[in-house]
Amino acid sequence: MSKNLKALEIPIVFHNYKLLKDKEWILKGSHVYFVQGPNEVGKTSFLLALQGAMTATDATEKKVSINEEGKDSGFYEFTIPAADGTIVTVRNEFTDQKNKFIAITADGEKVSKVSDIRALFNYTPINVNEFFQMSRSADGRRRQRDIILKLLPDDAREKFEDLDLQEQHYFTQRTEIGRNLETAKGYSESVVISDTDLDLLTKEQQAIDLLEKYQKLLTAEELNKSVQDVINNLKEEKDRITERLQIIDQEIESKSKELVDTTGYTTVQLTESVSKGKQVIHKINEVKAKKSLLDDSTEKEQKLNDEHENLTLEITKRREAKSKIVAEADLPVDSISFENDYLTINDFKFDENQVCESDAVLLLANILAKINPGPIQVIGDASILDAKKLEELNKIAETNGKVMFVDEVVRNADEMVIVGYDHVSENKLPTKNAKTIGKSEQSNKETKDPDPKKEVPDTKTENANDNVKNDNKPLF
């Protein structure tokens, strides 16, 4: 097919489609065609329709041309090679709300089911402009990667996707661990235990023993008062009742044995010491509780940190394995990687800050040519390509057996024209009044109605649009 593409005739017809009200072309003689003209003449519509024909999808709003009374429908038709190289005519009869696609194969078979038309071309509807735009979002970058993966053999792609699922699994786990780790770190950072507080913990038993001593002494002091009262009463009774002196002396002797020595302490002192002791014990308990929580949090933080590191290691292993698969694959460019989810091709990184550079356009043209099996390929804007780059683009198309379509703004033109690369390279630019190159009919003539004998798709045809310090000071 690549040897005959320059000789291939590509008939194209538009009727009442956006700004392409009545246009016909028969393209022949080039591997690259430039859809040229000023803004707002139908260049984008042309390329969208071409992609729509190969995907049986057209989501364009207000398709029907305006300023033509009584017209609420239209059609476009492309006769182009399918994925297997055979010629297929695809027609879309549309209104603003509906599309009705039908394809006629080389052997005359009518194909009206959307999925079957798509299967004829197996076309990935993406151009270089859209590919660059994908770099601006995470979903878009994933689409970029999926497009590149189409270049891998089936077994390598399946292995890559399996590793990718494993990576996503570990990534999700690591994200959850990361959130828990941040919570643990937050608590650890919020709990402050001073050196004085930590030193206090070492004196817990001393505090308990002192408190117990002072409580006993306080109790003894209170008991001493009661016993002393009894002694005093007995002494008074002794003075009044001599006959009971012996008995009372015995009782005095007996009770005196119950006295506890509280020499050196007053009741006030003992009461204050007990109160302070209780405060110290309370403080110790508070510090113990905080330290216990801190120890638990630190232990949990370390455990989470270990899990996080292990998951990162597993993710890294998967990413390295995926990179190896891509590196060892027979791809149309020397170096492709997905560093931090960003696609990099031959050191050119596709990120949200990247501008569309001409070298990258050629890289993508080469890649897209490998992805789509059919000869027809919509590339997109060629305005930034100089003569040398255009020559390289033409070589890519010729080497890969493609017919590529690019759009180019020509501000001083009157209307849209389609010019083959071979014609441009020979400096045979169309004159101001020329309508197109290789045109079958004058575009200023109204397109005739479809041949009534030509098979028209059935009205029940599927609609493509339904589609995260210990010291020695006393304690108290």
Foldseek 3Di string as FASTA:
>chain_A
DLVCQQADWKWKFWDQFALQHTAIFTDHGFQEKAWEEAPPFCSVVVLQVVVCQLQVDDPDAQGGHPPDPPDFKIKMWIFFAALVRWTKIWMWIDGRVFTFIWIQTPVGDIDGASVVSNVRFVADPDAPVQLLVLQADLVSLVVNVVLLLLLFPPVLSVLLVVLVVVLVVLVVVLVVLVFVLVVLVVLLVVQDQDPVLVLLLVCLVVLVVQLVVLVVLLVLVVVVVVLVVVLVVLVVVCVVDVVCVVVSVVVNVVSVVVHDDPPPDDNVRSVVSNVLSVVSNVSSVVSVVSVVVSVVSVVSSVVSVVSSVVSVVSSVVSQVVSLVSVCPGDAPANDWHQVVSWIAGPNRTSHPPDDDDLVVLLVVLLSSLSSTSGQEEEHEAPARPDPVSVVSSSVSSSVSSHRYYYYYYDNPADHIEMGHPVCVVVVVDDDNPDHYPRGPDDSVDHDDDPDPVDDDDDPPRDTNVVPHDNDDDDSD
